[in-house]
N, C-alpha and C. Protein backbone atom coordinates (compact mmCIF):
# COMPACT_ATOMS: atom_id res chain seq x y z
N MET A 1 0.84 -1.19 0.00
CA MET A 1 0.00 0.00 0.00
C MET A 1 0.87 1.24 0.00
N ASN A 2 1.63 1.40 -1.01
CA ASN A 2 2.51 2.54 -1.13
C ASN A 2 1.95 3.49 -2.20
N SER A 3 0.71 3.86 -2.07
CA SER A 3 0.11 4.73 -3.08
C SER A 3 0.14 6.18 -2.60
N ASP A 4 0.35 7.07 -3.53
CA ASP A 4 0.35 8.49 -3.22
C ASP A 4 -1.08 8.95 -2.98
N PRO A 5 -1.25 9.94 -2.10
CA PRO A 5 -2.61 10.45 -1.90
C PRO A 5 -3.09 11.11 -3.18
N PRO A 6 -4.39 11.10 -3.39
CA PRO A 6 -4.90 11.71 -4.63
C PRO A 6 -4.57 13.20 -4.68
N SER A 7 -4.16 13.68 -5.82
CA SER A 7 -3.80 15.08 -6.00
C SER A 7 -5.06 15.93 -6.13
N PRO A 8 -5.07 17.10 -5.49
CA PRO A 8 -6.25 17.97 -5.63
C PRO A 8 -6.30 18.64 -7.01
N PHE A 9 -5.23 18.51 -7.80
CA PHE A 9 -5.18 19.12 -9.13
C PHE A 9 -5.04 18.05 -10.20
N THR A 10 -5.58 18.35 -11.36
CA THR A 10 -5.38 17.47 -12.51
C THR A 10 -3.98 17.72 -13.06
N LYS A 11 -3.52 16.84 -13.97
CA LYS A 11 -2.20 17.03 -14.58
C LYS A 11 -2.16 18.33 -15.38
N GLU A 12 -3.26 18.68 -16.00
CA GLU A 12 -3.33 19.93 -16.77
C GLU A 12 -3.21 21.14 -15.84
N GLN A 13 -3.90 21.10 -14.69
CA GLN A 13 -3.83 22.20 -13.73
C GLN A 13 -2.43 22.30 -13.13
N THR A 14 -1.84 21.17 -12.80
CA THR A 14 -0.49 21.17 -12.23
C THR A 14 0.51 21.75 -13.22
N GLY A 15 0.39 21.40 -14.49
CA GLY A 15 1.27 21.95 -15.52
C GLY A 15 1.11 23.45 -15.66
N TYR A 16 -0.15 23.92 -15.62
CA TYR A 16 -0.41 25.36 -15.73
C TYR A 16 0.20 26.10 -14.54
N LEU A 17 -0.06 25.61 -13.32
CA LEU A 17 0.46 26.29 -12.12
C LEU A 17 1.98 26.28 -12.10
N SER A 18 2.59 25.19 -12.51
CA SER A 18 4.05 25.11 -12.55
C SER A 18 4.61 26.16 -13.51
N GLY A 19 4.03 26.28 -14.68
CA GLY A 19 4.48 27.29 -15.64
C GLY A 19 4.23 28.70 -15.15
N PHE A 20 3.09 28.92 -14.48
CA PHE A 20 2.75 30.24 -13.97
C PHE A 20 3.76 30.68 -12.90
N VAL A 21 4.05 29.80 -11.95
CA VAL A 21 4.99 30.12 -10.88
C VAL A 21 6.39 30.36 -11.45
N THR A 22 6.81 29.57 -12.41
CA THR A 22 8.11 29.77 -13.05
C THR A 22 8.17 31.14 -13.72
N GLY A 23 7.09 31.53 -14.38
CA GLY A 23 7.04 32.85 -15.02
C GLY A 23 7.11 33.98 -14.02
N ILE A 24 6.43 33.83 -12.89
CA ILE A 24 6.46 34.87 -11.85
C ILE A 24 7.86 35.04 -11.30
N GLN A 25 8.57 33.93 -11.14
CA GLN A 25 9.93 33.99 -10.59
C GLN A 25 10.88 34.75 -11.50
N HIS A 26 10.60 34.78 -12.78
CA HIS A 26 11.48 35.47 -13.74
C HIS A 26 10.98 36.86 -14.10
N ALA A 27 9.78 37.22 -13.66
CA ALA A 27 9.22 38.53 -14.00
C ALA A 27 9.83 39.60 -13.10
N PRO A 28 9.94 40.84 -13.58
CA PRO A 28 10.46 41.92 -12.73
C PRO A 28 9.43 42.27 -11.65
N TYR A 29 9.92 42.93 -10.59
CA TYR A 29 9.04 43.38 -9.52
C TYR A 29 8.01 44.35 -10.09
N LEU A 30 6.80 44.25 -9.61
CA LEU A 30 5.76 45.17 -10.06
C LEU A 30 5.21 45.90 -8.85
N GLY A 31 5.22 47.21 -8.90
CA GLY A 31 4.69 48.04 -7.82
C GLY A 31 3.93 49.21 -8.40
N GLN A 32 3.61 50.16 -7.53
CA GLN A 32 2.90 51.35 -7.97
C GLN A 32 3.72 52.58 -7.66
N ASN A 33 3.62 53.56 -8.54
CA ASN A 33 4.25 54.85 -8.25
C ASN A 33 3.25 55.71 -7.49
N ALA A 34 3.63 56.93 -7.14
CA ALA A 34 2.77 57.80 -6.33
C ALA A 34 1.47 58.15 -7.04
N ALA A 35 1.47 58.10 -8.37
CA ALA A 35 0.25 58.40 -9.14
C ALA A 35 -0.67 57.20 -9.23
N GLY A 36 -0.26 56.06 -8.67
CA GLY A 36 -1.09 54.87 -8.69
C GLY A 36 -0.91 54.01 -9.93
N GLN A 37 0.05 54.35 -10.78
CA GLN A 37 0.29 53.58 -12.00
C GLN A 37 1.23 52.41 -11.68
N PHE A 38 0.98 51.27 -12.34
CA PHE A 38 1.83 50.10 -12.14
C PHE A 38 3.15 50.30 -12.88
N THR A 39 4.23 49.90 -12.23
CA THR A 39 5.56 50.07 -12.81
C THR A 39 6.49 49.02 -12.22
N ASP A 40 7.59 48.74 -12.93
CA ASP A 40 8.58 47.82 -12.37
C ASP A 40 9.69 48.59 -11.64
N GLN A 41 9.57 49.93 -11.59
CA GLN A 41 10.52 50.76 -10.85
C GLN A 41 9.75 51.81 -10.05
N PRO A 42 9.03 51.36 -9.00
CA PRO A 42 8.26 52.35 -8.23
C PRO A 42 9.20 53.27 -7.45
N GLU A 43 8.82 54.53 -7.36
CA GLU A 43 9.64 55.46 -6.59
C GLU A 43 9.36 55.24 -5.11
N GLU A 44 10.37 55.48 -4.31
CA GLU A 44 10.23 55.27 -2.87
C GLU A 44 9.26 56.30 -2.31
N SER A 45 8.36 55.82 -1.44
CA SER A 45 7.36 56.72 -0.87
C SER A 45 7.06 56.30 0.56
N VAL A 46 6.38 57.17 1.27
CA VAL A 46 5.88 56.87 2.60
C VAL A 46 4.36 56.95 2.52
N PHE A 47 3.72 55.80 2.60
CA PHE A 47 2.26 55.71 2.49
C PHE A 47 1.75 56.43 1.25
N GLY A 48 2.47 56.28 0.13
CA GLY A 48 2.05 56.86 -1.14
C GLY A 48 2.54 58.27 -1.39
N THR A 49 3.16 58.91 -0.42
CA THR A 49 3.70 60.26 -0.60
C THR A 49 5.17 60.15 -1.01
N PRO A 50 5.54 60.71 -2.17
CA PRO A 50 6.94 60.64 -2.60
C PRO A 50 7.86 61.30 -1.58
N LEU A 51 9.07 60.78 -1.46
CA LEU A 51 10.03 61.34 -0.49
C LEU A 51 10.29 62.81 -0.73
N ASP A 52 10.24 63.26 -1.97
CA ASP A 52 10.50 64.67 -2.28
C ASP A 52 9.43 65.58 -1.69
N ASP A 53 8.24 65.05 -1.42
CA ASP A 53 7.15 65.86 -0.89
C ASP A 53 7.05 65.84 0.63
N LEU A 54 7.91 65.07 1.30
CA LEU A 54 7.84 64.96 2.76
C LEU A 54 8.51 66.16 3.43
N CYS A 55 7.99 66.54 4.59
CA CYS A 55 8.63 67.59 5.38
C CYS A 55 9.88 67.01 6.05
N ARG A 56 10.69 67.87 6.62
CA ARG A 56 11.98 67.47 7.21
C ARG A 56 11.79 66.39 8.28
N GLU A 57 10.80 66.56 9.16
CA GLU A 57 10.57 65.63 10.25
C GLU A 57 10.18 64.24 9.73
N GLU A 58 9.34 64.21 8.70
CA GLU A 58 8.93 62.92 8.13
C GLU A 58 10.11 62.22 7.47
N LEU A 59 11.00 62.98 6.85
CA LEU A 59 12.20 62.38 6.26
C LEU A 59 13.10 61.78 7.35
N ILE A 60 13.21 62.49 8.47
CA ILE A 60 14.03 62.00 9.58
C ILE A 60 13.44 60.70 10.12
N LYS A 61 12.11 60.64 10.26
CA LYS A 61 11.46 59.42 10.73
C LYS A 61 11.62 58.29 9.72
N HIS A 62 11.65 58.64 8.43
CA HIS A 62 11.82 57.62 7.38
C HIS A 62 13.23 57.03 7.44
N GLU A 63 14.22 57.85 7.76
CA GLU A 63 15.61 57.39 7.83
C GLU A 63 15.79 56.40 8.98
N GLN A 64 15.21 56.72 10.14
CA GLN A 64 15.34 55.86 11.32
C GLN A 64 14.18 56.14 12.26
N ASN A 65 13.60 55.09 12.79
CA ASN A 65 12.53 55.24 13.76
C ASN A 65 13.09 55.91 15.01
N GLY A 66 12.38 56.87 15.55
CA GLY A 66 12.85 57.59 16.73
C GLY A 66 13.07 56.71 17.94
N LEU A 67 12.33 55.62 18.05
CA LEU A 67 12.50 54.72 19.19
C LEU A 67 13.73 53.83 19.04
N ASP A 68 14.36 53.84 17.87
CA ASP A 68 15.54 53.03 17.63
C ASP A 68 16.85 53.80 17.82
N CYS A 69 16.80 54.97 18.42
CA CYS A 69 18.01 55.80 18.54
C CYS A 69 18.66 55.70 19.92
N TYR A 70 18.27 54.73 20.73
CA TYR A 70 18.83 54.63 22.08
C TYR A 70 20.35 54.46 22.04
N ASP A 71 20.86 53.67 21.11
CA ASP A 71 22.31 53.49 21.00
C ASP A 71 23.02 54.81 20.72
N THR A 72 22.38 55.67 19.94
CA THR A 72 22.95 57.00 19.66
C THR A 72 22.97 57.84 20.93
N ILE A 73 21.91 57.74 21.73
CA ILE A 73 21.87 58.47 23.01
C ILE A 73 23.02 58.01 23.89
N VAL A 74 23.25 56.71 23.94
CA VAL A 74 24.35 56.16 24.75
C VAL A 74 25.70 56.67 24.23
N ASP A 75 25.90 56.65 22.92
CA ASP A 75 27.17 57.13 22.34
C ASP A 75 27.40 58.60 22.66
N LYS A 76 26.36 59.42 22.50
CA LYS A 76 26.50 60.85 22.77
C LYS A 76 26.79 61.08 24.26
N ALA A 77 26.15 60.30 25.13
CA ALA A 77 26.38 60.45 26.57
C ALA A 77 27.81 60.09 26.93
N GLU A 78 28.32 59.01 26.36
CA GLU A 78 29.70 58.59 26.65
C GLU A 78 30.71 59.63 26.20
N ASN A 79 30.41 60.34 25.12
CA ASN A 79 31.33 61.35 24.59
C ASN A 79 31.03 62.75 25.11
N GLY A 80 29.97 62.90 25.91
CA GLY A 80 29.60 64.22 26.44
C GLY A 80 29.14 65.18 25.36
N GLU A 81 28.51 64.66 24.31
CA GLU A 81 28.07 65.48 23.18
C GLU A 81 26.55 65.63 23.18
N PHE A 82 26.10 66.76 22.66
CA PHE A 82 24.68 66.99 22.47
C PHE A 82 24.25 66.43 21.12
N ALA A 83 22.97 66.20 20.97
CA ALA A 83 22.43 65.70 19.71
C ALA A 83 22.63 66.74 18.62
N SER A 84 22.71 66.26 17.38
CA SER A 84 22.83 67.17 16.24
C SER A 84 21.99 66.63 15.10
N ASP A 85 21.67 67.50 14.17
CA ASP A 85 20.92 67.15 12.97
C ASP A 85 19.62 66.40 13.31
N GLY A 86 19.40 65.26 12.67
CA GLY A 86 18.16 64.51 12.85
C GLY A 86 18.01 63.90 14.24
N ASP A 87 19.13 63.73 14.94
CA ASP A 87 19.04 63.15 16.29
C ASP A 87 18.33 64.09 17.26
N ILE A 88 18.39 65.38 17.01
CA ILE A 88 17.65 66.33 17.87
C ILE A 88 16.18 65.96 17.87
N PHE A 89 15.64 65.66 16.69
CA PHE A 89 14.22 65.27 16.58
C PHE A 89 13.99 63.88 17.16
N ARG A 90 14.88 62.93 16.86
CA ARG A 90 14.69 61.55 17.32
C ARG A 90 14.74 61.43 18.84
N PHE A 91 15.59 62.22 19.50
CA PHE A 91 15.70 62.14 20.95
C PHE A 91 14.38 62.51 21.62
N LYS A 92 13.56 63.29 20.96
CA LYS A 92 12.26 63.68 21.53
C LYS A 92 11.36 62.47 21.74
N PHE A 93 11.57 61.40 20.97
CA PHE A 93 10.78 60.19 21.16
C PHE A 93 11.05 59.57 22.53
N HIS A 94 12.20 59.89 23.12
CA HIS A 94 12.56 59.40 24.45
C HIS A 94 12.33 60.48 25.51
N GLY A 95 11.73 61.59 25.13
CA GLY A 95 11.42 62.65 26.08
C GLY A 95 12.54 63.65 26.28
N LEU A 96 13.61 63.56 25.51
CA LEU A 96 14.76 64.46 25.66
C LEU A 96 14.72 65.55 24.61
N PHE A 97 14.65 66.79 25.06
CA PHE A 97 14.58 67.95 24.17
C PHE A 97 15.85 68.77 24.36
N TYR A 98 16.55 69.02 23.26
CA TYR A 98 17.74 69.87 23.29
C TYR A 98 17.25 71.31 23.20
N VAL A 99 17.43 72.09 24.28
CA VAL A 99 16.77 73.40 24.39
C VAL A 99 17.67 74.58 24.08
N THR A 100 18.75 74.35 23.33
CA THR A 100 19.58 75.48 22.92
C THR A 100 18.77 76.39 22.01
N PRO A 101 18.89 77.65 21.98
CA PRO A 101 19.87 78.52 22.63
C PRO A 101 19.44 79.01 24.01
N ALA A 102 18.26 78.63 24.49
CA ALA A 102 17.83 79.07 25.82
C ALA A 102 18.79 78.55 26.89
N GLN A 103 19.14 77.29 26.79
CA GLN A 103 20.12 76.67 27.69
C GLN A 103 20.94 75.68 26.86
N GLU A 104 22.17 75.51 27.20
CA GLU A 104 22.99 74.49 26.54
C GLU A 104 22.82 73.21 27.35
N ALA A 105 21.63 72.62 27.23
CA ALA A 105 21.27 71.46 28.03
C ALA A 105 20.07 70.76 27.41
N TYR A 106 19.77 69.59 27.98
CA TYR A 106 18.55 68.88 27.61
C TYR A 106 17.47 69.18 28.63
N MET A 107 16.24 68.97 28.21
CA MET A 107 15.10 69.00 29.11
C MET A 107 14.40 67.65 28.94
N LEU A 108 14.04 67.03 30.04
CA LEU A 108 13.27 65.79 30.01
C LEU A 108 11.82 66.13 30.25
N ARG A 109 10.97 65.74 29.32
CA ARG A 109 9.53 65.93 29.51
C ARG A 109 8.94 64.57 29.82
N ALA A 110 8.40 64.44 31.03
CA ALA A 110 7.81 63.17 31.48
C ALA A 110 6.29 63.30 31.45
N ARG A 111 5.66 62.43 30.68
CA ARG A 111 4.20 62.44 30.58
C ARG A 111 3.61 61.81 31.84
N ILE A 112 2.59 62.46 32.37
CA ILE A 112 1.90 61.96 33.55
C ILE A 112 0.46 61.66 33.14
N PRO A 113 0.12 60.40 32.86
CA PRO A 113 -1.23 60.07 32.40
C PRO A 113 -2.29 60.48 33.41
N GLY A 114 -3.25 61.26 32.95
CA GLY A 114 -4.35 61.69 33.81
C GLY A 114 -3.91 62.61 34.93
N CYS A 115 -2.71 63.13 34.87
CA CYS A 115 -2.15 64.03 35.91
C CYS A 115 -2.14 63.37 37.28
N ALA A 116 -2.12 62.04 37.33
CA ALA A 116 -2.12 61.31 38.60
C ALA A 116 -0.73 60.73 38.82
N LEU A 117 -0.15 61.06 39.97
CA LEU A 117 1.22 60.67 40.28
C LEU A 117 1.26 60.18 41.72
N SER A 118 1.90 59.05 41.97
CA SER A 118 2.03 58.58 43.36
C SER A 118 3.17 59.33 44.03
N SER A 119 3.21 59.26 45.35
CA SER A 119 4.27 59.96 46.08
C SER A 119 5.64 59.38 45.75
N SER A 120 5.73 58.06 45.55
CA SER A 120 7.03 57.47 45.22
C SER A 120 7.48 57.89 43.82
N GLN A 121 6.53 58.04 42.89
CA GLN A 121 6.89 58.51 41.55
C GLN A 121 7.38 59.96 41.61
N LEU A 122 6.73 60.78 42.40
CA LEU A 122 7.15 62.18 42.53
C LEU A 122 8.53 62.26 43.18
N ARG A 123 8.76 61.42 44.20
CA ARG A 123 10.09 61.40 44.83
C ARG A 123 11.15 60.97 43.81
N GLY A 124 10.81 60.00 42.96
CA GLY A 124 11.75 59.56 41.92
C GLY A 124 12.08 60.68 40.96
N MET A 125 11.08 61.45 40.54
CA MET A 125 11.33 62.59 39.65
C MET A 125 12.16 63.65 40.36
N ALA A 126 11.88 63.87 41.65
CA ALA A 126 12.66 64.85 42.42
C ALA A 126 14.12 64.40 42.52
N ASP A 127 14.33 63.10 42.72
CA ASP A 127 15.71 62.58 42.78
C ASP A 127 16.43 62.79 41.45
N ILE A 128 15.73 62.52 40.35
CA ILE A 128 16.32 62.74 39.02
C ILE A 128 16.74 64.20 38.88
N SER A 129 15.86 65.10 39.27
CA SER A 129 16.15 66.53 39.15
C SER A 129 17.32 66.94 40.03
N ASP A 130 17.35 66.42 41.27
CA ASP A 130 18.44 66.77 42.19
C ASP A 130 19.77 66.18 41.72
N ASP A 131 19.75 64.93 41.28
CA ASP A 131 21.00 64.24 40.94
C ASP A 131 21.57 64.65 39.58
N TRP A 132 20.70 64.86 38.58
CA TRP A 132 21.20 65.05 37.23
C TRP A 132 20.62 66.27 36.51
N GLY A 133 19.72 66.98 37.13
CA GLY A 133 19.11 68.15 36.51
C GLY A 133 19.45 69.42 37.27
N GLY A 134 18.58 70.41 37.14
CA GLY A 134 18.81 71.69 37.78
C GLY A 134 18.34 71.78 39.21
N GLY A 135 17.76 70.70 39.75
CA GLY A 135 17.31 70.71 41.14
C GLY A 135 15.88 71.18 41.31
N TYR A 136 15.15 71.32 40.23
CA TYR A 136 13.74 71.75 40.30
C TYR A 136 12.95 71.05 39.20
N LEU A 137 11.65 70.97 39.38
CA LEU A 137 10.74 70.40 38.38
C LEU A 137 9.77 71.47 37.93
N ASP A 138 9.44 71.47 36.66
CA ASP A 138 8.39 72.34 36.14
C ASP A 138 7.16 71.47 35.88
N ILE A 139 6.00 72.00 36.23
CA ILE A 139 4.74 71.33 35.89
C ILE A 139 4.13 72.10 34.74
N THR A 140 3.82 71.40 33.66
CA THR A 140 3.27 72.06 32.47
C THR A 140 1.77 72.27 32.64
N THR A 141 1.20 73.05 31.74
CA THR A 141 -0.25 73.29 31.78
C THR A 141 -1.04 72.01 31.51
N ARG A 142 -0.40 71.02 30.91
CA ARG A 142 -1.07 69.74 30.66
C ARG A 142 -0.76 68.70 31.73
N GLY A 143 -0.14 69.13 32.81
CA GLY A 143 0.10 68.24 33.94
C GLY A 143 1.28 67.31 33.79
N ASN A 144 2.19 67.60 32.88
CA ASN A 144 3.40 66.80 32.73
C ASN A 144 4.52 67.45 33.54
N LEU A 145 5.60 66.72 33.75
CA LEU A 145 6.74 67.24 34.50
C LEU A 145 7.93 67.43 33.57
N GLN A 146 8.70 68.48 33.83
CA GLN A 146 9.90 68.76 33.05
C GLN A 146 11.09 68.91 33.99
N VAL A 147 12.16 68.22 33.64
CA VAL A 147 13.44 68.37 34.34
C VAL A 147 14.36 69.09 33.38
N ARG A 148 14.93 70.20 33.83
CA ARG A 148 15.78 71.01 32.96
C ARG A 148 17.24 70.94 33.40
N GLU A 149 18.10 71.52 32.58
CA GLU A 149 19.54 71.63 32.85
C GLU A 149 20.23 70.27 32.93
N ILE A 150 19.85 69.36 32.05
CA ILE A 150 20.44 68.02 32.00
C ILE A 150 21.62 68.05 31.04
N GLN A 151 22.76 67.60 31.50
CA GLN A 151 23.95 67.52 30.65
C GLN A 151 23.96 66.18 29.91
N PRO A 152 24.63 66.11 28.77
CA PRO A 152 24.60 64.89 27.95
C PRO A 152 25.06 63.63 28.69
N GLU A 153 26.01 63.77 29.60
CA GLU A 153 26.53 62.60 30.32
C GLU A 153 25.46 61.93 31.17
N ASN A 154 24.41 62.67 31.51
CA ASN A 154 23.40 62.16 32.44
C ASN A 154 22.15 61.61 31.76
N THR A 155 22.07 61.70 30.45
CA THR A 155 20.84 61.31 29.77
C THR A 155 20.53 59.82 29.95
N VAL A 156 21.53 58.97 29.82
CA VAL A 156 21.30 57.53 29.94
C VAL A 156 20.92 57.17 31.38
N LYS A 157 21.57 57.80 32.34
CA LYS A 157 21.25 57.55 33.75
C LYS A 157 19.78 57.87 34.03
N ILE A 158 19.32 58.97 33.46
CA ILE A 158 17.93 59.39 33.67
C ILE A 158 16.97 58.41 33.00
N LEU A 159 17.25 58.04 31.77
CA LEU A 159 16.35 57.13 31.06
C LEU A 159 16.31 55.74 31.70
N ASN A 160 17.39 55.34 32.35
CA ASN A 160 17.44 54.02 32.98
C ASN A 160 16.88 54.00 34.39
N LYS A 161 16.64 55.17 34.99
CA LYS A 161 16.14 55.23 36.38
C LYS A 161 14.71 54.78 36.44
C-alpha cells in the first residue's frame, strides 16, 4: 500500500500552475508609483507620498525610527556630546529635548497620564532633578513634568532610572 494520496489538481492544472509560478519567478518586480500607476521601478514613498514631498521631520522618521536611537543616546552620553541634525528630533521620542539657545542642556519631559502621580513617583522625579538636573521640576499646563539643565553625560542615567 505505497500509493500516493490523490492530487487535488489534474495534470493539466499542475502543468499550468508550474508554468505560472516559473514565469512569476522570472518577472520583474511590479509596484505602484505615487500616481497609482503600475511600474517595475516604483519610486520610494511613505504611504504613497513621494520622499520629495515629505517635510523634514517625516524624512528623519523615514531614515530611522525615533524609538531606535537609544544606542545613539548612549554614544553621545559617553562622549559628552549633544544631539545634532536629525538626532535632535529623534531624541524627543525618548522625552529628551535639546533646548539650545535658551540653555545648553537637555530637558526631560515626562508624561503623567491623567495628571495622577504617586508619592514614590514624585520622589523619583525629584531625585532625578536633584542628581542630574537643575534641582527643580516644572509642571506644564497639561500636567506633565519637566526636568531642565540636564547635561549629555546624564541622559542615559535618567532614562534608565
